[in-house]
N, C-alpha and C. Protein backbone atom coordinates (compact mmCIF):
# COMPACT_ATOMS: atom_id res chain seq x y z
N MET A 1 -61.98 45.96 36.63
CA MET A 1 -60.73 45.34 37.05
C MET A 1 -59.57 46.07 36.36
N PRO A 2 -58.48 46.33 37.07
CA PRO A 2 -57.35 47.07 36.49
C PRO A 2 -56.54 46.20 35.52
N ASN A 3 -55.67 46.87 34.78
CA ASN A 3 -54.75 46.14 33.90
C ASN A 3 -53.80 45.30 34.74
N ARG A 4 -53.32 44.19 34.15
CA ARG A 4 -52.43 43.28 34.87
C ARG A 4 -51.18 42.99 34.05
N VAL A 5 -50.11 42.65 34.73
CA VAL A 5 -48.88 42.15 34.11
C VAL A 5 -48.83 40.67 34.44
N MET A 6 -48.79 39.83 33.40
CA MET A 6 -48.83 38.39 33.61
C MET A 6 -47.56 37.75 33.07
N ILE A 7 -46.84 37.04 33.94
CA ILE A 7 -45.64 36.31 33.54
C ILE A 7 -46.02 34.86 33.33
N SER A 8 -45.70 34.32 32.18
CA SER A 8 -46.00 32.92 31.89
C SER A 8 -45.18 32.00 32.77
N ARG A 9 -45.79 30.91 33.20
CA ARG A 9 -45.06 29.92 33.99
C ARG A 9 -43.95 29.27 33.18
N ASP A 10 -44.07 29.32 31.85
CA ASP A 10 -43.07 28.72 30.96
C ASP A 10 -41.95 29.69 30.61
N SER A 11 -42.04 30.93 31.08
CA SER A 11 -41.03 31.94 30.79
C SER A 11 -39.69 31.54 31.37
N LYS A 12 -38.66 31.58 30.54
CA LYS A 12 -37.30 31.29 31.00
C LYS A 12 -36.62 32.61 31.34
N PRO A 13 -36.24 32.82 32.61
CA PRO A 13 -35.63 34.10 32.99
C PRO A 13 -34.24 34.26 32.39
N ILE A 14 -33.89 35.52 32.15
CA ILE A 14 -32.56 35.87 31.66
C ILE A 14 -31.96 36.89 32.63
N PRO A 15 -30.64 37.10 32.57
CA PRO A 15 -30.01 38.07 33.48
C PRO A 15 -30.52 39.50 33.21
N CYS A 16 -30.82 40.20 34.27
CA CYS A 16 -31.28 41.59 34.21
C CYS A 16 -30.07 42.51 34.08
N GLU A 17 -30.17 43.51 33.20
CA GLU A 17 -29.07 44.47 33.04
C GLU A 17 -28.93 45.37 34.27
N GLU A 18 -30.00 45.57 35.01
CA GLU A 18 -29.99 46.46 36.16
C GLU A 18 -29.37 45.79 37.40
N CYS A 19 -29.87 44.61 37.77
CA CYS A 19 -29.43 43.97 39.01
C CYS A 19 -28.48 42.78 38.79
N GLY A 20 -28.43 42.27 37.56
CA GLY A 20 -27.52 41.16 37.26
C GLY A 20 -28.07 39.78 37.59
N LEU A 21 -29.22 39.72 38.24
CA LEU A 21 -29.81 38.43 38.61
C LEU A 21 -30.58 37.84 37.43
N PRO A 22 -30.66 36.52 37.34
CA PRO A 22 -31.41 35.89 36.25
C PRO A 22 -32.91 35.89 36.55
N THR A 23 -33.50 37.08 36.61
CA THR A 23 -34.90 37.23 37.01
C THR A 23 -35.71 38.10 36.05
N LEU A 24 -35.21 38.28 34.82
CA LEU A 24 -35.91 39.10 33.83
C LEU A 24 -36.78 38.20 32.97
N HIS A 25 -38.07 38.52 32.87
CA HIS A 25 -39.05 37.71 32.14
C HIS A 25 -39.78 38.56 31.11
N VAL A 26 -40.26 37.91 30.04
CA VAL A 26 -41.19 38.55 29.13
C VAL A 26 -42.56 38.39 29.77
N ALA A 27 -43.31 39.49 29.86
CA ALA A 27 -44.64 39.46 30.48
C ALA A 27 -45.66 40.06 29.52
N ARG A 28 -46.90 39.61 29.65
CA ARG A 28 -48.00 40.15 28.86
C ARG A 28 -48.74 41.21 29.67
N LEU A 29 -49.10 42.29 29.00
CA LEU A 29 -49.95 43.32 29.61
C LEU A 29 -51.38 43.00 29.19
N VAL A 30 -52.26 42.77 30.16
CA VAL A 30 -53.62 42.34 29.89
C VAL A 30 -54.59 43.31 30.56
N SER A 31 -55.60 43.74 29.80
CA SER A 31 -56.61 44.65 30.37
C SER A 31 -57.53 43.88 31.30
N GLY A 32 -58.36 44.61 32.02
CA GLY A 32 -59.30 44.01 32.96
C GLY A 32 -60.27 43.03 32.32
N ASP A 33 -60.58 43.25 31.02
CA ASP A 33 -61.51 42.34 30.34
C ASP A 33 -60.79 41.19 29.63
N GLY A 34 -59.46 41.08 29.82
CA GLY A 34 -58.69 39.97 29.25
C GLY A 34 -58.06 40.26 27.89
N THR A 35 -58.21 41.47 27.38
CA THR A 35 -57.63 41.84 26.09
C THR A 35 -56.12 42.03 26.23
N LEU A 36 -55.35 41.43 25.32
CA LEU A 36 -53.90 41.60 25.32
C LEU A 36 -53.56 43.01 24.86
N LEU A 37 -52.85 43.76 25.68
CA LEU A 37 -52.46 45.13 25.35
C LEU A 37 -51.07 45.21 24.76
N GLY A 38 -50.21 44.25 25.10
CA GLY A 38 -48.85 44.24 24.61
C GLY A 38 -47.97 43.38 25.48
N GLN A 39 -46.67 43.51 25.31
CA GLN A 39 -45.70 42.77 26.09
C GLN A 39 -44.64 43.71 26.64
N THR A 40 -43.99 43.30 27.71
CA THR A 40 -42.93 44.08 28.32
C THR A 40 -41.95 43.14 29.00
N MET A 41 -40.83 43.66 29.41
CA MET A 41 -39.85 42.89 30.18
C MET A 41 -40.01 43.27 31.65
N VAL A 42 -40.04 42.29 32.54
CA VAL A 42 -40.23 42.52 33.96
C VAL A 42 -39.15 41.78 34.75
N CYS A 43 -38.41 42.51 35.58
CA CYS A 43 -37.46 41.88 36.48
C CYS A 43 -38.14 41.73 37.83
N THR A 44 -38.35 40.50 38.25
CA THR A 44 -39.05 40.27 39.51
C THR A 44 -38.21 40.71 40.71
N ALA A 45 -36.90 40.67 40.63
CA ALA A 45 -36.04 41.11 41.74
C ALA A 45 -36.04 42.63 41.85
N CYS A 46 -35.87 43.34 40.75
CA CYS A 46 -35.85 44.80 40.77
C CYS A 46 -37.20 45.36 41.20
N ARG A 47 -38.28 44.79 40.70
CA ARG A 47 -39.62 45.27 41.05
C ARG A 47 -39.86 45.13 42.55
N ARG A 48 -39.48 44.00 43.12
CA ARG A 48 -39.66 43.77 44.55
C ARG A 48 -38.80 44.75 45.34
N HIS A 49 -37.56 44.99 44.92
CA HIS A 49 -36.67 45.92 45.61
C HIS A 49 -37.22 47.34 45.57
N ARG A 50 -37.70 47.79 44.40
CA ARG A 50 -38.26 49.14 44.28
C ARG A 50 -39.47 49.32 45.17
N SER A 51 -40.33 48.31 45.25
CA SER A 51 -41.54 48.46 46.05
C SER A 51 -41.22 48.53 47.54
N GLU A 52 -40.07 47.98 47.95
CA GLU A 52 -39.69 48.03 49.36
C GLU A 52 -39.03 49.35 49.73
N THR A 53 -38.41 50.05 48.75
CA THR A 53 -37.60 51.22 49.08
C THR A 53 -38.18 52.55 48.62
N GLU A 54 -39.00 52.59 47.56
CA GLU A 54 -39.49 53.85 47.03
C GLU A 54 -40.97 54.04 47.31
N PRO A 55 -41.36 55.16 47.86
CA PRO A 55 -42.78 55.44 48.04
C PRO A 55 -43.44 55.70 46.70
N VAL A 56 -44.71 55.43 46.58
CA VAL A 56 -45.45 55.67 45.36
C VAL A 56 -45.42 57.15 45.04
N GLY A 57 -45.14 57.46 43.75
CA GLY A 57 -45.10 58.86 43.31
C GLY A 57 -43.74 59.51 43.54
N ALA A 58 -42.73 58.73 43.96
CA ALA A 58 -41.39 59.32 44.16
C ALA A 58 -40.79 59.66 42.81
N PRO A 59 -40.08 60.77 42.69
CA PRO A 59 -39.47 61.16 41.42
C PRO A 59 -38.33 60.27 41.02
């Protein structure tokens, strides 16, 4: 199973510096076997926008 990005249901979103929307969350990076790899910030609005406009592997 691949690594996953998991956003807690209790995460309180904050404004994103990129898009300005209150959709930035702290997320956990979890390996396929459930091991915590670390944490990162994830903007759910920016991620959705990028996946709609940029092909995979675009520079």
